[in-house]
Amino acid sequence: MANNGRLWRVYLAEDNPGDVYLVKEALRLAGLNYELTLFEDGHQALKRFDLIGSEPAAVYPDVFLLDLNLPRSDGGEVLRSLRENTRWSRLLVVILTSSESPTDRALADTYDATYFRKPNELDPFLKIGAYIRDLIHQPVDGN
């Protein structure tokens, strides 16, 4: 799928360097022209969201990829905090987690986030790139 030169702004909250590498590779393989902003803990991510609109380097992302198991503020706290703020109510959030917990799936449903369980094998993991590409290319109601 052609990207038509569009630069996609991707925020990624992930503390596992191996998973960060795989997400980058998956996005590259999906043909996305993207700029990645990485947060190694939930606190960093929330601080950046607070700066959007007042700091030139803090730009509104097209998609936020969020691991649930993060230090300092876990992914559930980050997701709840974002959704409690009307500025982020329409933000595309994709939960990337190794968890199969029904509670984690319910959290994603409650806070209008897409749930993607990280597979243990390389090829299925790399499919996340195409999955994200397809999600961000979907038109949003009202836009």
Foldseek 3Di string as FASTA:
>chain_A
DEPVPDEFEEEEADQDPVLVVLLVLLQVVLVHRYDYDYHQALVVVVVLVVCDPPDVVRHQGLEYEAEQDHPPAGRLRSLVVQCVDPVNLPHAYEYEYQDPDPVVVVSCVVSVYHYDHQDPDRPVNSPVNNVVVVVSPDDDPPD
